[in-house]
PDB file of all heavy atoms in Angstrom:
ATOM      1  N   SER A   1     102.234 101.809  83.403  1.00  0.00           N
ATOM      2  CA  SER A   1     103.450 102.364  82.807  1.00  0.00           C
ATOM      3  C   SER A   1     103.890 101.651  81.533  1.00  0.00           C
ATOM      4  O   SER A   1     104.425 102.297  80.633  1.00  0.00           O
ATOM      5  CB  SER A   1     104.581 102.351  83.836  1.00  0.00           C
ATOM      6  OG  SER A   1     104.849 101.022  84.261  1.00  0.00           O
ATOM      7  N   ILE A   2     103.672 100.359  81.410  1.00  0.00           N
ATOM      8  CA  ILE A   2     104.096  99.622  80.210  1.00  0.00           C
ATOM      9  C   ILE A   2     102.924  99.321  79.296  1.00  0.00           C
ATOM     10  O   ILE A   2     102.984  99.571  78.093  1.00  0.00           O
ATOM     11  CB  ILE A   2     104.842  98.319  80.592  1.00  0.00           C
ATOM     12  CG1 ILE A   2     106.166  98.669  81.274  1.00  0.00           C
ATOM     13  CG2 ILE A   2     105.077  97.452  79.358  1.00  0.00           C
ATOM     14  CD1 ILE A   2     106.946  97.468  81.764  1.00  0.00           C
ATOM     15  N   THR A   3     101.838  98.806  79.864  1.00  0.00           N
ATOM     16  CA  THR A   3     100.695  98.395  79.035  1.00  0.00           C
ATOM     17  C   THR A   3      99.742  99.539  78.722  1.00  0.00           C
ATOM     18  O   THR A   3      98.827  99.376  77.924  1.00  0.00           O
ATOM     19  CB  THR A   3      99.921  97.249  79.713  1.00  0.00           C
ATOM     20  OG1 THR A   3      99.547  97.651  81.030  1.00  0.00           O
ATOM     21  CG2 THR A   3     100.773  95.991  79.768  1.00  0.00           C
ATOM     22  N   GLY A   4      99.948 100.704  79.332  1.00  0.00           N
ATOM     23  CA  GLY A   4      99.122 101.881  79.042  1.00  0.00           C
ATOM     24  C   GLY A   4      97.717 101.768  79.594  1.00  0.00           C
ATOM     25  O   GLY A   4      97.468 101.114  80.597  1.00  0.00           O
ATOM     26  N   ASN A   5      96.773 102.402  78.897  1.00  0.00           N
ATOM     27  CA  ASN A   5      95.374 102.387  79.320  1.00  0.00           C
ATOM     28  C   ASN A   5      94.702 101.116  78.834  1.00  0.00           C
ATOM     29  O   ASN A   5      94.915 100.685  77.705  1.00  0.00           O
ATOM     30  CB  ASN A   5      94.633 103.599  78.768  1.00  0.00           C
ATOM     31  CG  ASN A   5      95.197 104.895  79.318  1.00  0.00           C
ATOM     32  OD1 ASN A   5      95.702 104.941  80.431  1.00  0.00           O
ATOM     33  ND2 ASN A   5      95.125 105.952  78.526  1.00  0.00           N
ATOM     34  N   ALA A   6      93.877 100.541  79.684  1.00  0.00           N
ATOM     35  CA  ALA A   6      93.166  99.313  79.321  1.00  0.00           C
ATOM     36  C   ALA A   6      91.838  99.272  80.044  1.00  0.00           C
ATOM     37  O   ALA A   6      91.691  99.818  81.143  1.00  0.00           O
ATOM     38  CB  ALA A   6      94.002  98.096  79.675  1.00  0.00           C
ATOM     39  N   LYS A   7      90.861  98.620  79.422  1.00  0.00           N
ATOM     40  CA  LYS A   7      89.550  98.399  80.038  1.00  0.00           C
ATOM     41  C   LYS A   7      89.231  96.910  79.924  1.00  0.00           C
ATOM     42  O   LYS A   7      89.407  96.317  78.865  1.00  0.00           O
ATOM     43  CB  LYS A   7      88.472  99.224  79.348  1.00  0.00           C
ATOM     44  CG  LYS A   7      88.633 100.729  79.558  1.00  0.00           C
ATOM     45  CD  LYS A   7      87.486 101.492  78.900  1.00  0.00           C
ATOM     46  CE  LYS A   7      87.685 102.981  79.030  1.00  0.00           C
ATOM     47  NZ  LYS A   7      87.253 103.484  80.321  1.00  0.00           N
ATOM     48  N   TYR A   8      88.750  96.330  81.028  1.00  0.00           N
ATOM     49  CA  TYR A   8      88.415  94.911  81.078  1.00  0.00           C
ATOM     50  C   TYR A   8      87.589  94.659  82.334  1.00  0.00           C
ATOM     51  O   TYR A   8      87.310  95.599  83.087  1.00  0.00           O
ATOM     52  CB  TYR A   8      89.683  94.034  81.050  1.00  0.00           C
ATOM     53  CG  TYR A   8      90.675  94.352  82.143  1.00  0.00           C
ATOM     54  CD1 TYR A   8      90.660  93.648  83.343  1.00  0.00           C
ATOM     55  CD2 TYR A   8      91.621  95.360  81.989  1.00  0.00           C
ATOM     56  CE1 TYR A   8      91.566  93.946  84.351  1.00  0.00           C
ATOM     57  CE2 TYR A   8      92.534  95.658  82.989  1.00  0.00           C
ATOM     58  CZ  TYR A   8      92.500  94.938  84.169  1.00  0.00           C
ATOM     59  OH  TYR A   8      93.392  95.229  85.159  1.00  0.00           O
ATOM     60  N   THR A   9      87.197  93.438  82.584  1.00  0.00           N
ATOM     61  CA  THR A   9      86.448  93.109  83.803  1.00  0.00           C
ATOM     62  C   THR A   9      87.218  92.096  84.641  1.00  0.00           C
ATOM     63  O   THR A   9      88.001  91.300  84.115  1.00  0.00           O
ATOM     64  CB  THR A   9      85.050  92.537  83.495  1.00  0.00           C
ATOM     65  OG1 THR A   9      85.192  91.356  82.728  1.00  0.00           O
ATOM     66  CG2 THR A   9      84.191  93.538  82.751  1.00  0.00           C
ATOM     67  N   VAL A  10      86.997  92.164  85.940  1.00  0.00           N
ATOM     68  CA  VAL A  10      87.535  91.185  86.887  1.00  0.00           C
ATOM     69  C   VAL A  10      86.393  90.734  87.785  1.00  0.00           C
ATOM     70  O   VAL A  10      85.351  91.383  87.860  1.00  0.00           O
ATOM     71  CB  VAL A  10      88.680  91.759  87.755  1.00  0.00           C
ATOM     72  CG1 VAL A  10      89.862  92.185  86.916  1.00  0.00           C
ATOM     73  CG2 VAL A  10      88.199  92.889  88.639  1.00  0.00           C
ATOM     74  N   ASN A  11      86.619  89.629  88.470  1.00  0.00           N
ATOM     75  CA  ASN A  11      85.644  89.137  89.437  1.00  0.00           C
ATOM     76  C   ASN A  11      86.362  88.895  90.759  1.00  0.00           C
ATOM     77  O   ASN A  11      87.380  88.200  90.789  1.00  0.00           O
ATOM     78  CB  ASN A  11      84.986  87.852  88.948  1.00  0.00           C
ATOM     79  CG  ASN A  11      83.879  87.415  89.869  1.00  0.00           C
ATOM     80  OD1 ASN A  11      83.050  88.213  90.286  1.00  0.00           O
ATOM     81  ND2 ASN A  11      83.852  86.138  90.203  1.00  0.00           N
ATOM     82  N   ILE A  12      85.843  89.496  91.826  1.00  0.00           N
ATOM     83  CA  ILE A  12      86.364  89.243  93.169  1.00  0.00           C
ATOM     84  C   ILE A  12      85.407  88.269  93.838  1.00  0.00           C
ATOM     85  O   ILE A  12      84.198  88.503  93.884  1.00  0.00           O
ATOM     86  CB  ILE A  12      86.486  90.543  93.987  1.00  0.00           C
ATOM     87  CG1 ILE A  12      87.476  91.494  93.312  1.00  0.00           C
ATOM     88  CG2 ILE A  12      86.919  90.223  95.418  1.00  0.00           C
ATOM     89  CD1 ILE A  12      87.683  92.814  94.040  1.00  0.00           C
ATOM     90  N   TYR A  13      85.965  87.166  94.348  1.00  0.00           N
ATOM     91  CA  TYR A  13      85.140  86.116  94.930  1.00  0.00           C
ATOM     92  C   TYR A  13      85.812  85.531  96.167  1.00  0.00           C
ATOM     93  O   TYR A  13      86.998  85.750  96.414  1.00  0.00           O
ATOM     94  CB  TYR A  13      84.858  85.020  93.901  1.00  0.00           C
ATOM     95  CG  TYR A  13      86.084  84.282  93.420  1.00  0.00           C
ATOM     96  CD1 TYR A  13      86.436  83.061  93.976  1.00  0.00           C
ATOM     97  CD2 TYR A  13      86.899  84.806  92.415  1.00  0.00           C
ATOM     98  CE1 TYR A  13      87.566  82.379  93.547  1.00  0.00           C
ATOM     99  CE2 TYR A  13      88.026  84.136  91.978  1.00  0.00           C
ATOM    100  CZ  TYR A  13      88.355  82.923  92.554  1.00  0.00           C
ATOM    101  OH  TYR A  13      89.480  82.250  92.129  1.00  0.00           O
ATOM    102  N   ALA A  14      85.033  84.794  96.947  1.00  0.00           N
ATOM    103  CA  ALA A  14      85.524  84.119  98.150  1.00  0.00           C
ATOM    104  C   ALA A  14      85.347  82.622  97.962  1.00  0.00           C
ATOM    105  O   ALA A  14      84.398  82.186  97.315  1.00  0.00           O
ATOM    106  CB  ALA A  14      84.742  84.593  99.369  1.00  0.00           C
ATOM    107  N   VAL A  15      86.274  81.839  98.523  1.00  0.00           N
ATOM    108  CA  VAL A  15      86.158  80.387  98.385  1.00  0.00           C
ATOM    109  C   VAL A  15      86.216  79.636  99.708  1.00  0.00           C
ATOM    110  O   VAL A  15      86.047  78.437  99.727  1.00  0.00           O
ATOM    111  CB  VAL A  15      87.236  79.810  97.435  1.00  0.00           C
ATOM    112  CG1 VAL A  15      87.038  80.303  96.030  1.00  0.00           C
ATOM    113  CG2 VAL A  15      88.635  80.089  97.917  1.00  0.00           C
ATOM    114  N   ASP A  16      86.478  80.321 100.791  1.00  0.00           N
ATOM    115  CA  ASP A  16      86.559  79.619 102.063  1.00  0.00           C
ATOM    116  C   ASP A  16      85.997  80.480 103.190  1.00  0.00           C
ATOM    117  O   ASP A  16      85.431  81.531 102.943  1.00  0.00           O
ATOM    118  CB  ASP A  16      88.000  79.190 102.357  1.00  0.00           C
ATOM    119  CG  ASP A  16      88.968  80.356 102.422  1.00  0.00           C
ATOM    120  OD1 ASP A  16      88.552  81.480 102.755  1.00  0.00           O
ATOM    121  OD2 ASP A  16      90.149  80.152 102.137  1.00  0.00           O
ATOM    122  N   THR A  17      86.197  80.021 104.396  1.00  0.00           N
ATOM    123  CA  THR A  17      85.630  80.733 105.532  1.00  0.00           C
ATOM    124  C   THR A  17      86.531  81.835 106.071  1.00  0.00           C
ATOM    125  O   THR A  17      86.183  82.481 107.045  1.00  0.00           O
ATOM    126  CB  THR A  17      85.319  79.746 106.674  1.00  0.00           C
ATOM    127  OG1 THR A  17      86.535  79.068 107.025  1.00  0.00           O
ATOM    128  CG2 THR A  17      84.255  78.742 106.253  1.00  0.00           C
ATOM    129  N   ASN A  18      87.689  82.053 105.458  1.00  0.00           N
ATOM    130  CA  ASN A  18      88.578  83.129 105.901  1.00  0.00           C
ATOM    131  C   ASN A  18      87.963  84.462 105.474  1.00  0.00           C
ATOM    132  O   ASN A  18      88.055  84.856 104.313  1.00  0.00           O
ATOM    133  CB  ASN A  18      89.975  82.955 105.315  1.00  0.00           C
ATOM    134  CG  ASN A  18      90.937  84.026 105.779  1.00  0.00           C
ATOM    135  OD1 ASN A  18      90.543  85.052 106.337  1.00  0.00           O
ATOM    136  ND2 ASN A  18      92.215  83.800 105.536  1.00  0.00           N
ATOM    137  N   VAL A  19      87.347  85.169 106.418  1.00  0.00           N
ATOM    138  CA  VAL A  19      86.639  86.413 106.094  1.00  0.00           C
ATOM    139  C   VAL A  19      87.578  87.557 105.759  1.00  0.00           C
ATOM    140  O   VAL A  19      87.121  88.645 105.414  1.00  0.00           O
ATOM    141  CB  VAL A  19      85.678  86.839 107.224  1.00  0.00           C
ATOM    142  CG1 VAL A  19      84.563  85.824 107.390  1.00  0.00           C
ATOM    143  CG2 VAL A  19      86.424  87.089 108.515  1.00  0.00           C
ATOM    144  N   MET A  20      88.871  87.335 105.850  1.00  0.00           N
ATOM    145  CA  MET A  20      89.852  88.374 105.540  1.00  0.00           C
ATOM    146  C   MET A  20      90.469  88.187 104.147  1.00  0.00           C
ATOM    147  O   MET A  20      91.308  88.982 103.744  1.00  0.00           O
ATOM    148  CB  MET A  20      90.978  88.360 106.582  1.00  0.00           C
ATOM    149  CG  MET A  20      90.507  88.427 108.022  1.00  0.00           C
ATOM    150  SD  MET A  20      89.884  90.011 108.528  1.00  0.00           S
ATOM    151  CE  MET A  20      91.395  90.869 108.797  1.00  0.00           C
ATOM    152  N   GLN A  21      90.059  87.142 103.400  1.00  0.00           N
ATOM    153  CA  GLN A  21      90.702  86.846 102.121  1.00  0.00           C
ATOM    154  C   GLN A  21      89.687  86.774 100.988  1.00  0.00           C
ATOM    155  O   GLN A  21      88.571  86.301 101.156  1.00  0.00           O
ATOM    156  CB  GLN A  21      91.448  85.515 102.199  1.00  0.00           C
ATOM    157  CG  GLN A  21      92.225  85.196 100.945  1.00  0.00           C
ATOM    158  CD  GLN A  21      93.062  83.935 101.090  1.00  0.00           C
ATOM    159  OE1 GLN A  21      92.684  83.017 101.803  1.00  0.00           O
ATOM    160  NE2 GLN A  21      94.191  83.894 100.416  1.00  0.00           N
ATOM    161  N   VAL A  22      90.109  87.275  99.817  1.00  0.00           N
ATOM    162  CA  VAL A  22      89.348  87.166  98.585  1.00  0.00           C
ATOM    163  C   VAL A  22      90.302  86.758  97.465  1.00  0.00           C
ATOM    164  O   VAL A  22      91.523  86.772  97.634  1.00  0.00           O
ATOM    165  CB  VAL A  22      88.635  88.486  98.198  1.00  0.00           C
ATOM    166  CG1 VAL A  22      87.574  88.854  99.208  1.00  0.00           C
ATOM    167  CG2 VAL A  22      89.631  89.616  98.000  1.00  0.00           C
ATOM    168  N   PHE A  23      89.721  86.410  96.327  1.00  0.00           N
ATOM    169  CA  PHE A  23      90.496  86.061  95.144  1.00  0.00           C
ATOM    170  C   PHE A  23      90.005  86.906  93.979  1.00  0.00           C
ATOM    171  O   PHE A  23      88.817  87.252  93.915  1.00  0.00           O
ATOM    172  CB  PHE A  23      90.360  84.572  94.839  1.00  0.00           C
ATOM    173  CG  PHE A  23      90.931  83.719  95.940  1.00  0.00           C
ATOM    174  CD1 PHE A  23      90.143  83.303  96.995  1.00  0.00           C
ATOM    175  CD2 PHE A  23      92.270  83.368  95.930  1.00  0.00           C
ATOM    176  CE1 PHE A  23      90.663  82.549  98.024  1.00  0.00           C
ATOM    177  CE2 PHE A  23      92.809  82.614  96.960  1.00  0.00           C
ATOM    178  CZ  PHE A  23      92.000  82.197  98.013  1.00  0.00           C
ATOM    179  N   ILE A  24      90.912  87.240  93.075  1.00  0.00           N
ATOM    180  CA  ILE A  24      90.585  88.093  91.933  1.00  0.00           C
ATOM    181  C   ILE A  24      90.876  87.332  90.657  1.00  0.00           C
ATOM    182  O   ILE A  24      92.038  86.982  90.379  1.00  0.00           O
ATOM    183  CB  ILE A  24      91.389  89.404  91.965  1.00  0.00           C
ATOM    184  CG1 ILE A  24      91.221  90.106  93.319  1.00  0.00           C
ATOM    185  CG2 ILE A  24      90.973  90.306  90.804  1.00  0.00           C
ATOM    186  CD1 ILE A  24      92.214  91.232  93.561  1.00  0.00           C
ATOM    187  N   ALA A  25      89.816  87.053  89.871  1.00  0.00           N
ATOM    188  CA  ALA A  25      89.966  86.372  88.584  1.00  0.00           C
ATOM    189  C   ALA A  25      90.162  87.401  87.484  1.00  0.00           C
ATOM    190  O   ALA A  25      89.562  88.470  87.507  1.00  0.00           O
ATOM    191  CB  ALA A  25      88.717  85.530  88.298  1.00  0.00           C
ATOM    192  N   ASN A  26      91.016  87.081  86.530  1.00  0.00           N
ATOM    193  CA  ASN A  26      91.329  87.913  85.364  1.00  0.00           C
ATOM    194  C   ASN A  26      92.092  89.180  85.743  1.00  0.00           C
ATOM    195  O   ASN A  26      91.955  90.217  85.099  1.00  0.00           O
ATOM    196  CB  ASN A  26      90.074  88.261  84.563  1.00  0.00           C
ATOM    197  CG  ASN A  26      90.424  88.770  83.170  1.00  0.00           C
ATOM    198  OD1 ASN A  26      91.322  88.258  82.532  1.00  0.00           O
ATOM    199  ND2 ASN A  26      89.719  89.785  82.722  1.00  0.00           N
ATOM    200  N   PHE A  27      92.908  89.081  86.784  1.00  0.00           N
ATOM    201  CA  PHE A  27      93.664  90.253  87.229  1.00  0.00           C
ATOM    202  C   PHE A  27      94.546  90.783  86.105  1.00  0.00           C
ATOM    203  O   PHE A  27      95.249  90.037  85.449  1.00  0.00           O
ATOM    204  CB  PHE A  27      94.532  89.907  88.447  1.00  0.00           C
ATOM    205  CG  PHE A  27      95.128  91.121  89.093  1.00  0.00           C
ATOM    206  CD1 PHE A  27      94.411  91.828  90.036  1.00  0.00           C
ATOM    207  CD2 PHE A  27      96.382  91.574  88.726  1.00  0.00           C
ATOM    208  CE1 PHE A  27      94.944  92.965  90.623  1.00  0.00           C
ATOM    209  CE2 PHE A  27      96.920  92.707  89.306  1.00  0.00           C
ATOM    210  CZ  PHE A  27      96.193  93.405  90.259  1.00  0.00           C
ATOM    211  N   ASN A  28      94.486  92.073  85.865  1.00  0.00           N
ATOM    212  CA  ASN A  28      95.226  92.785  84.822  1.00  0.00           C
ATOM    213  C   ASN A  28      94.905  92.250  83.427  1.00  0.00           C
ATOM    214  O   ASN A  28      95.658  92.448  82.485  1.00  0.00           O
ATOM    215  CB  ASN A  28      96.730  92.763  85.090  1.00  0.00           C
ATOM    216  CG  ASN A  28      97.499  93.766  84.270  1.00  0.00           C
ATOM    217  OD1 ASN A  28      98.322  93.380  83.449  1.00  0.00           O
ATOM    218  ND2 ASN A  28      97.256  95.034  84.470  1.00  0.00           N
ATOM    219  N   ASN A  29      93.792  91.532  83.318  1.00  0.00           N
ATOM    220  CA  ASN A  29      93.383  90.939  82.042  1.00  0.00           C
ATOM    221  C   ASN A  29      94.496  90.059  81.481  1.00  0.00           C
ATOM    222  O   ASN A  29      94.654  89.939  80.264  1.00  0.00           O
ATOM    223  CB  ASN A  29      93.004  92.027  81.035  1.00  0.00           C
ATOM    224  CG  ASN A  29      92.079  91.525  79.951  1.00  0.00           C
ATOM    225  OD1 ASN A  29      91.263  90.637  80.185  1.00  0.00           O
ATOM    226  ND2 ASN A  29      92.184  92.091  78.767  1.00  0.00           N
ATOM    227  N   ASP A  30      95.272  89.449  82.396  1.00  0.00           N
ATOM    228  CA  ASP A  30      96.486  88.774  81.959  1.00  0.00           C
ATOM    229  C   ASP A  30      96.766  87.462  82.674  1.00  0.00           C
ATOM    230  O   ASP A  30      97.185  86.499  82.044  1.00  0.00           O
ATOM    231  CB  ASP A  30      97.670  89.739  82.148  1.00  0.00           C
ATOM    232  CG  ASP A  30      98.954  89.226  81.555  1.00  0.00           C
ATOM    233  OD1 ASP A  30      98.895  88.501  80.559  1.00  0.00           O
ATOM    234  OD2 ASP A  30     100.020  89.547  82.103  1.00  0.00           O
ATOM    235  N   PHE A  31      96.564  87.395  83.987  1.00  0.00           N
ATOM    236  CA  PHE A  31      96.922  86.192  84.725  1.00  0.00           C
ATOM    237  C   PHE A  31      95.884  85.090  84.521  1.00  0.00           C
ATOM    238  O   PHE A  31      94.683  85.337  84.565  1.00  0.00           O
ATOM    239  CB  PHE A  31      97.056  86.499  86.220  1.00  0.00           C
ATOM    240  CG  PHE A  31      98.297  87.273  86.557  1.00  0.00           C
ATOM    241  CD1 PHE A  31      98.251  88.648  86.723  1.00  0.00           C
ATOM    242  CD2 PHE A  31      99.514  86.624  86.700  1.00  0.00           C
ATOM    243  CE1 PHE A  31      99.398  89.363  87.029  1.00  0.00           C
ATOM    244  CE2 PHE A  31     100.667  87.328  87.012  1.00  0.00           C
ATOM    245  CZ  PHE A  31     100.607  88.701  87.171  1.00  0.00           C
ATOM    246  N   SER A  32      96.365  83.860  84.310  1.00  0.00           N
ATOM    247  CA  SER A  32      95.468  82.709  84.155  1.00  0.00           C
ATOM    248  C   SER A  32      94.873  82.290  85.489  1.00  0.00           C
ATOM    249  O   SER A  32      93.707  81.920  85.565  1.00  0.00           O
ATOM    250  CB  SER A  32      96.219  81.514  83.550  1.00  0.00           C
ATOM    251  OG  SER A  32      96.691  81.840  82.274  1.00  0.00           O
ATOM    252  N   ASN A  33      95.691  82.318  86.530  1.00  0.00           N
ATOM    253  CA  ASN A  33      95.231  81.934  87.859  1.00  0.00           C
ATOM    254  C   ASN A  33      94.814  83.184  88.637  1.00  0.00           C
ATOM    255  O   ASN A  33      95.263  84.290  88.359  1.00  0.00           O
ATOM    256  CB  ASN A  33      96.332  81.197  88.613  1.00  0.00           C
ATOM    257  CG  ASN A  33      96.625  79.861  87.985  1.00  0.00           C
ATOM    258  OD1 ASN A  33      95.712  79.100  87.678  1.00  0.00           O
ATOM    259  ND2 ASN A  33      97.899  79.577  87.775  1.00  0.00           N
ATOM    260  N   SER A  34      93.987  82.963  89.621  1.00  0.00           N
ATOM    261  CA  SER A  34      93.504  84.068  90.446  1.00  0.00           C
ATOM    262  C   SER A  34      94.610  84.604  91.346  1.00  0.00           C
ATOM    263  O   SER A  34      95.514  83.884  91.751  1.00  0.00           O
ATOM    264  CB  SER A  34      92.321  83.619  91.297  1.00  0.00           C
ATOM    265  OG  SER A  34      91.232  83.312  90.454  1.00  0.00           O
TER     266      SER A  34
END
């Protein structure tokens, strides 16, 4: 609604043994932390 159309890449990764959790790097092409 504010930033309009955008194209970029993200990476979904796992860092621990919690099989129910993932982390997303580069979310919205904006956040520094996952």
